[in-house]
Amino acid sequence: MKRRIGILTSGGDCPGLNATIRGVARAAYEMFDAEIVGIADGYRGLIEGEWQEMKRSQFSGILTLGGTILGTSRQPFRNMQVIGEDNVDKVAAMKKNYAAMKLDCLVTLGGNGTHKTANLLSQEGLNVIGLPKTIDNDIYGTDFTFGFHTAVDIATAVIDRLHTTAASHGRTIVVEIMGNKAGWLTLYSGLAGGADVVLLPEIPYDIKEVAKVVEARAKNKKAFSIIAVAEGAMTKKEAKMKKKEREAARLEEGFNGIANRIAKELTEMVGVEGRAVVPGYIQRGGSPSAYDRVLATQFGVHAAQLIDRGEYGFSVALVGNNITHNRLADIAGIPKPVPVDHQMVKVARDMGILFGD
């Protein structure tokens, strides 16, 4: 039986997108009579009707390639059901173009916002399968997302390299790791990289507690310290504020990033030579790790298996050692922060790593 499959990648890029696309396509070609339609730049391409029929050869040689061959864009879910100045009904446009492409199903690769829109389209009657992508690892219902482990490797390598400079110059270096709402990436890379302090959005910090660690290390003739901080980390005082209040307070402060703030405060409080490092998009770039290549392939194949069985409205997931799937309606929009009593947090605390609380 012939199946015509549309594929799009939405939201921020990350390692493993192409490996997952390849997994879906190659398994589909092997399992049934498949036609693959590549949709450009995520949901924007679906809204505007920008797509191409893919050839088998286009899925060759992309296993190790970073980024996405389809292109991507951010289309916030909050705007999906809002008709803007362009007077476009986005949901109606996506449904119309799904029909125009003569799709039997749509496969969406993306994070939380992507999954919310995928669930919306599923509720609108389209056949949709989601694949969980994000370096933040914050999609509910799956132990890991593809892209996360590669980002952990990269962030850990950054921290490793900072150790040598910090030790050589006797500096306190604050490295800002991606993760605005969830601190999984900072937690894992901070532990793997041997950070002395790890600051997460889920555990508001007190700068005085951080200063105590840096001061104690200096007294013990450890002239340097490494602090791994998630970009979304906040003080205990900020955690009590509403988002708009926090943003206003930071604007008045002249806030220019959490790492810069902490490095400046520690310099003033302890007298150390504080430096901030922000690796930024480096954490999302380059070739996926071996782990992510395998996971992406497993996810892609499982998506093709669901298509073969005609089972739609699901998101693929890793639970324990099993590749499985969850109903989009059950996981879309549900946050997955680091639990404050998570085993990895306990391991870090037992290693003497401070969380600033």
Protein backbone atom coordinates (compact mmCIF):
# COMPACT_ATOMS: atom_id res chain seq x y z
CA MET A 1 0.00 0.00 0.00
CA LYS A 2 1.39 3.40 -0.99
CA ARG A 3 1.91 6.04 1.71
CA ARG A 4 2.73 9.68 0.98
CA ILE A 5 4.59 11.17 3.94
CA GLY A 6 5.28 14.83 4.63
CA ILE A 7 8.27 15.65 6.86
CA LEU A 8 9.14 18.97 8.50
CA THR A 9 11.66 20.15 11.09
CA SER A 10 10.56 22.99 13.34
CA GLY A 11 12.06 25.18 16.06
CA GLY A 12 15.76 25.41 16.84
CA ASP A 13 18.16 23.18 14.95
CA CYS A 14 20.12 20.48 16.75
CA PRO A 15 22.36 17.51 15.95
CA GLY A 16 20.40 14.44 14.85
CA LEU A 17 17.65 16.03 12.77
CA ASN A 18 19.04 14.70 9.51
CA ALA A 19 19.77 11.30 11.06
CA THR A 20 16.12 11.09 12.12
CA ILE A 21 14.83 12.20 8.72
CA ARG A 22 17.03 9.50 7.18
CA GLY A 23 15.69 6.90 9.62
CA VAL A 24 12.07 7.67 8.72
CA ALA A 25 12.72 7.72 4.97
CA ARG A 26 14.92 4.64 4.68
CA ALA A 27 12.65 2.52 6.87
CA ALA A 28 9.58 3.72 4.96
CA TYR A 29 11.17 2.84 1.61
CA GLU A 30 12.03 -0.61 2.92
CA MET A 31 8.72 -1.37 4.62
CA PHE A 32 6.16 -0.13 2.09
CA ASP A 33 5.66 1.85 -1.11
CA ALA A 34 6.58 5.33 0.14
CA GLU A 35 6.70 8.82 -1.31
CA ILE A 36 8.41 11.46 0.80
CA VAL A 37 7.52 15.15 0.65
CA GLY A 38 9.99 17.55 2.26
CA ILE A 39 8.37 20.68 3.69
CA ALA A 40 10.63 23.74 3.86
CA ASP A 41 11.36 25.66 7.06
CA GLY A 42 9.00 23.92 9.43
CA TYR A 43 5.41 25.02 9.86
CA ARG A 44 6.11 28.12 7.77
CA GLY A 45 6.46 25.89 4.73
CA LEU A 46 3.29 24.04 5.63
CA ILE A 47 1.41 27.33 6.01
CA GLU A 48 2.77 28.84 2.79
CA GLY A 49 2.79 25.64 0.74
CA GLU A 50 6.55 25.41 0.16
CA TRP A 51 7.53 21.78 -0.42
CA GLN A 52 9.27 19.36 -2.74
CA GLU A 53 8.99 15.69 -3.58
CA MET A 54 12.16 14.05 -2.29
CA LYS A 55 14.30 11.47 -4.04
CA ARG A 56 15.92 8.51 -2.33
CA SER A 57 19.33 9.94 -3.09
CA GLN A 58 18.58 13.01 -0.96
CA PHE A 59 18.61 10.85 2.16
CA SER A 60 22.06 9.45 1.44
CA GLY A 61 25.08 10.81 3.31
CA ILE A 62 23.12 12.79 5.89
CA LEU A 63 23.51 10.52 8.94
CA THR A 64 26.44 12.55 10.25
CA LEU A 65 25.31 15.93 8.96
CA GLY A 66 24.33 18.58 11.52
CA GLY A 67 21.43 20.98 11.08
CA THR A 68 18.54 20.05 8.82
CA ILE A 69 18.38 19.59 5.05
CA LEU A 70 14.76 20.80 5.13
CA GLY A 71 15.43 24.10 6.90
CA THR A 72 13.62 25.21 10.02
CA SER A 73 11.91 28.21 11.60
CA ARG A 74 10.21 29.18 14.82
CA GLN A 75 6.44 29.51 14.60
CA PRO A 76 5.22 30.10 18.18
CA PHE A 77 2.23 27.96 19.10
CA ARG A 78 0.52 30.94 20.76
CA ASN A 79 0.23 32.54 17.31
CA MET A 80 -0.99 29.48 15.44
CA GLN A 81 -4.68 30.17 16.03
CA VAL A 82 -4.33 33.93 15.77
CA ILE A 83 -4.98 35.69 12.47
CA GLY A 84 -2.36 38.42 12.19
CA GLU A 85 -1.82 41.39 9.92
CA ASP A 86 -1.28 39.06 6.95
CA ASN A 87 -4.91 37.93 7.38
CA VAL A 88 -3.85 34.27 7.12
CA ASP A 89 -5.74 31.58 9.00
CA LYS A 90 -2.71 29.43 9.71
CA VAL A 91 -4.57 26.29 10.77
CA ALA A 92 -6.82 26.43 7.72
CA ALA A 93 -3.76 27.03 5.50
CA MET A 94 -1.91 24.03 6.95
CA LYS A 95 -4.93 21.78 6.46
CA LYS A 96 -5.37 23.05 2.90
CA ASN A 97 -1.72 22.43 1.99
CA TYR A 98 -1.73 19.00 3.66
CA ALA A 99 -4.57 18.12 1.28
CA ALA A 100 -2.87 19.79 -1.69
CA MET A 101 0.26 17.69 -1.10
CA LYS A 102 -2.01 14.61 -0.98
CA LEU A 103 -0.39 13.47 2.24
CA ASP A 104 -1.34 10.33 4.09
CA CYS A 105 0.48 11.60 7.16
CA LEU A 106 2.71 14.36 8.49
CA VAL A 107 5.88 13.71 10.53
CA THR A 108 7.03 16.64 12.66
CA LEU A 109 10.49 16.84 14.23
CA GLY A 110 10.70 19.38 17.02
CA GLY A 111 10.40 20.40 20.64
CA ASN A 112 7.56 21.48 22.88
CA GLY A 113 6.07 24.14 20.61
CA THR A 114 6.29 21.81 17.63
CA HIS A 115 4.48 19.10 19.56
CA LYS A 116 1.71 21.46 20.64
CA THR A 117 1.07 22.41 17.03
CA ALA A 118 1.30 18.75 15.99
CA ASN A 119 -1.37 17.92 18.56
CA LEU A 120 -3.52 20.79 17.30
CA LEU A 121 -3.32 19.45 13.74
CA SER A 122 -4.07 15.95 15.00
CA GLN A 123 -7.19 17.27 16.72
CA GLU A 124 -8.11 18.96 13.44
CA GLY A 125 -8.19 15.55 11.78
CA LEU A 126 -4.75 15.29 10.19
CA ASN A 127 -2.62 12.14 10.54
CA VAL A 128 0.39 13.31 12.54
CA ILE A 129 3.41 11.68 14.20
CA GLY A 130 5.82 13.66 16.38
CA LEU A 131 9.52 13.04 16.90
CA PRO A 132 11.07 14.61 20.04
CA LYS A 133 13.98 16.92 19.30
CA THR A 134 15.66 19.35 21.66
CA ILE A 135 19.03 19.78 23.34
CA ASP A 136 17.09 20.80 26.48
CA ASN A 137 15.66 17.26 26.93
CA ASP A 138 12.46 18.80 28.26
CA ILE A 139 9.77 16.93 26.31
CA TYR A 140 7.43 15.05 28.61
CA GLY A 141 7.06 11.29 28.22
CA THR A 142 10.51 10.46 26.86
CA ASP A 143 13.65 9.83 28.90
CA PHE A 144 15.81 11.48 26.25
CA THR A 145 15.38 13.53 23.11
CA PHE A 146 17.73 13.30 20.16
CA GLY A 147 20.28 16.11 20.20
CA PHE A 148 20.60 16.16 23.98
CA HIS A 149 23.56 13.82 24.35
CA THR A 150 25.53 15.58 21.62
CA ALA A 151 24.93 18.91 23.34
CA VAL A 152 26.08 17.36 26.63
CA ASP A 153 29.29 16.24 24.92
CA ILE A 154 29.87 19.72 23.51
CA ALA A 155 29.10 21.57 26.75
CA THR A 156 31.29 19.13 28.66
CA ALA A 157 34.16 19.73 26.23
CA VAL A 158 33.77 23.48 26.80
CA ILE A 159 33.97 23.01 30.57
CA ASP A 160 36.98 20.68 30.17
CA ARG A 161 38.86 23.34 28.24
CA LEU A 162 37.95 26.05 30.71
CA HIS A 163 39.52 24.02 33.51
CA THR A 164 43.00 24.45 32.06
CA THR A 165 42.67 28.22 31.64
CA ALA A 166 41.03 28.65 35.05
CA ALA A 167 43.75 26.63 36.76
CA SER A 168 46.59 28.34 34.90
CA HIS A 169 45.39 31.86 35.69
CA GLY A 170 43.70 31.25 39.02
CA ARG A 171 40.32 32.41 37.74
CA THR A 172 36.71 31.73 38.59
CA ILE A 173 34.99 30.99 35.31
CA VAL A 174 31.22 31.03 34.93
CA VAL A 175 30.05 29.12 31.84
CA GLU A 176 26.49 29.74 30.65
CA ILE A 177 24.84 26.59 29.32
CA MET A 178 21.68 26.60 27.19
CA GLY A 179 18.43 25.81 28.98
CA ASN A 180 15.92 28.54 29.70
CA LYS A 181 13.22 26.54 31.48
CA ALA A 182 14.92 23.20 32.17
CA GLY A 183 18.40 22.50 33.48
CA TRP A 184 19.02 18.99 32.17
CA LEU A 185 21.89 20.07 29.91
CA THR A 186 23.61 22.07 32.66
CA LEU A 187 23.13 19.27 35.19
CA TYR A 188 24.63 16.55 32.98
CA SER A 189 27.47 18.61 31.52
CA GLY A 190 28.28 20.21 34.87
CA LEU A 191 28.61 16.79 36.46
CA ALA A 192 30.55 15.36 33.51
CA GLY A 193 32.83 18.39 33.33
CA GLY A 194 33.63 18.52 37.03
CA ALA A 195 32.02 21.88 37.79
CA ASP A 196 32.21 23.06 41.39
CA VAL A 197 28.83 24.79 41.29
CA VAL A 198 25.80 23.96 39.10
CA LEU A 199 22.93 26.44 38.93
CA LEU A 200 19.59 25.37 37.44
CA PRO A 201 16.28 27.13 36.73
CA GLU A 202 14.55 24.58 38.97
CA ILE A 203 16.70 25.38 42.04
CA PRO A 204 16.84 29.15 42.70
CA TYR A 205 20.21 30.20 44.05
CA ASP A 206 21.63 32.56 46.65
CA ILE A 207 24.78 34.28 45.39
CA LYS A 208 26.13 34.33 48.96
CA GLU A 209 26.12 30.52 48.97
CA VAL A 210 27.99 30.47 45.67
CA ALA A 211 30.51 32.97 47.03
CA LYS A 212 31.13 30.73 50.07
CA VAL A 213 32.21 27.87 47.80
CA VAL A 214 34.58 30.05 45.78
CA GLU A 215 36.02 31.54 48.98
CA ALA A 216 36.43 28.13 50.61
CA ARG A 217 38.24 26.77 47.57
CA ALA A 218 40.62 29.74 47.63
CA LYS A 219 41.39 29.14 51.32
CA ASN A 220 42.11 25.48 50.52
CA LYS A 221 44.69 26.62 47.96
CA LYS A 222 42.40 25.81 45.03
CA ALA A 223 42.84 29.09 43.23
CA PHE A 224 40.20 28.46 40.58
CA SER A 225 36.52 27.53 40.40
CA ILE A 226 34.21 26.43 37.60
CA ILE A 227 30.53 27.38 37.76
CA ALA A 228 28.09 25.90 35.25
CA VAL A 229 24.90 27.96 35.08
CA ALA A 230 21.80 27.41 32.96
CA GLU A 231 20.76 30.50 31.02
CA GLY A 232 17.39 30.42 32.78
CA ALA A 233 18.76 30.24 36.33
CA MET A 234 17.45 32.83 38.77
CA THR A 235 18.01 33.98 42.32
CA LYS A 236 15.66 33.05 45.14
CA LYS A 237 14.33 36.62 45.10
CA GLU A 238 13.65 36.48 41.34
CA ALA A 239 11.92 33.11 41.68
CA LYS A 240 9.24 34.78 43.82
CA MET A 241 8.52 37.33 41.10
CA LYS A 242 6.15 37.02 38.19
CA LYS A 243 7.84 36.83 34.80
CA LYS A 244 7.08 40.44 33.86
CA GLU A 245 8.28 41.68 37.24
CA ARG A 246 11.51 39.73 36.87
CA GLU A 247 12.07 41.07 33.37
CA ALA A 248 11.47 44.65 34.56
CA ALA A 249 13.87 44.22 37.48
CA ARG A 250 16.56 42.84 35.20
CA LEU A 251 16.07 45.66 32.72
CA GLU A 252 16.58 48.18 35.49
CA GLU A 253 19.66 46.25 36.63
CA GLY A 254 21.18 46.34 33.16
CA PHE A 255 21.18 42.55 33.05
CA ASN A 256 23.31 41.19 30.21
CA GLY A 257 23.20 37.47 30.86
CA ILE A 258 23.30 35.28 33.93
CA ALA A 259 26.97 34.31 33.57
CA ASN A 260 28.11 37.92 33.28
CA ARG A 261 26.07 38.86 36.34
CA ILE A 262 27.48 36.05 38.49
CA ALA A 263 31.08 36.61 37.38
CA LYS A 264 30.80 40.32 38.25
CA GLU A 265 29.18 39.63 41.62
CA LEU A 266 31.82 37.08 42.63
CA THR A 267 34.62 39.42 41.63
CA GLU A 268 33.13 42.12 43.86
CA MET A 269 32.19 39.83 46.77
CA VAL A 270 35.21 37.52 46.98
CA GLY A 271 37.90 39.44 45.12
CA VAL A 272 38.53 36.65 42.63
CA GLU A 273 39.21 37.20 38.95
CA GLY A 274 35.82 36.28 37.52
CA ARG A 275 35.20 35.56 33.86
CA ALA A 276 32.03 34.66 31.95
CA VAL A 277 31.96 32.31 28.96
CA VAL A 278 28.87 31.88 26.77
CA PRO A 279 29.32 29.08 24.19
CA GLY A 280 25.81 29.73 22.83
CA TYR A 281 24.90 28.14 19.51
CA ILE A 282 28.07 26.04 19.51
CA GLN A 283 26.10 23.65 21.74
CA ARG A 284 23.54 23.08 18.95
CA GLY A 285 25.93 22.69 16.06
CA GLY A 286 27.90 20.04 14.27
CA SER A 287 27.66 16.32 13.77
CA PRO A 288 25.53 14.20 16.14
CA SER A 289 27.30 11.86 18.55
CA ALA A 290 27.19 8.11 18.05
CA TYR A 291 24.52 7.88 20.77
CA ASP A 292 22.30 10.42 19.02
CA ARG A 293 22.79 8.79 15.61
CA VAL A 294 21.56 5.50 17.02
CA LEU A 295 18.67 7.11 18.94
CA ALA A 296 17.64 9.19 15.93
CA THR A 297 17.65 6.10 13.73
CA GLN A 298 15.57 4.16 16.26
CA PHE A 299 13.08 7.02 16.52
CA GLY A 300 12.83 7.35 12.75
CA VAL A 301 12.26 3.63 12.23
CA HIS A 302 9.60 3.55 14.94
CA ALA A 303 7.79 6.42 13.23
CA ALA A 304 7.82 4.45 9.96
CA GLN A 305 6.44 1.43 11.80
CA LEU A 306 3.54 3.52 13.12
CA ILE A 307 2.86 4.78 9.60
CA ASP A 308 2.93 1.22 8.29
CA ARG A 309 0.28 0.26 10.85
CA GLY A 310 -1.75 3.40 10.23
CA GLU A 311 -1.39 4.55 13.83
CA TYR A 312 -1.38 8.34 14.14
CA GLY A 313 -1.63 11.02 16.80
CA PHE A 314 1.48 9.80 18.63
CA SER A 315 4.93 11.05 19.57
CA VAL A 316 7.83 8.59 19.57
CA ALA A 317 9.67 8.18 22.89
CA LEU A 318 12.44 6.37 24.74
CA VAL A 319 11.28 4.90 28.05
CA GLY A 320 13.89 2.83 29.85
CA ASN A 321 15.54 0.77 27.12
CA ASN A 322 12.44 0.65 24.93
CA ILE A 323 11.46 2.76 21.95
CA THR A 324 7.74 3.39 22.30
CA HIS A 325 5.20 6.18 21.73
CA ASN A 326 2.82 8.44 23.62
CA ARG A 327 -0.43 10.05 22.55
CA LEU A 328 0.27 13.62 21.44
CA ALA A 329 -2.71 14.75 23.50
CA ASP A 330 -1.09 13.28 26.63
CA ILE A 331 2.32 14.94 26.34
CA ALA A 332 1.99 18.13 24.26
CA GLY A 333 2.57 21.25 26.33
CA ILE A 334 3.45 19.41 29.53
CA PRO A 335 6.74 20.68 31.00
CA LYS A 336 9.56 18.35 32.05
CA PRO A 337 11.80 20.24 34.48
CA VAL A 338 14.57 18.63 36.51
CA PRO A 339 12.97 17.31 39.73
CA VAL A 340 14.79 18.83 42.71
CA ASP A 341 15.15 15.32 44.17
CA HIS A 342 16.26 13.71 40.89
CA GLN A 343 18.89 10.99 41.23
CA MET A 344 21.42 13.05 39.24
CA VAL A 345 20.92 15.99 41.61
CA LYS A 346 21.52 13.68 44.58
CA VAL A 347 24.64 12.26 42.92
CA ALA A 348 25.99 15.77 42.35
CA ARG A 349 25.27 16.84 45.93
CA ASP A 350 26.98 13.72 47.27
CA MET A 351 29.99 14.66 45.15
CA GLY A 352 30.12 18.04 46.89
CA ILE A 353 28.70 20.05 44.00
CA LEU A 354 26.73 23.08 45.19
CA PHE A 355 23.41 24.13 43.68
CA GLY A 356 23.38 27.54 45.29
CA ASP A 357 20.50 26.85 47.63
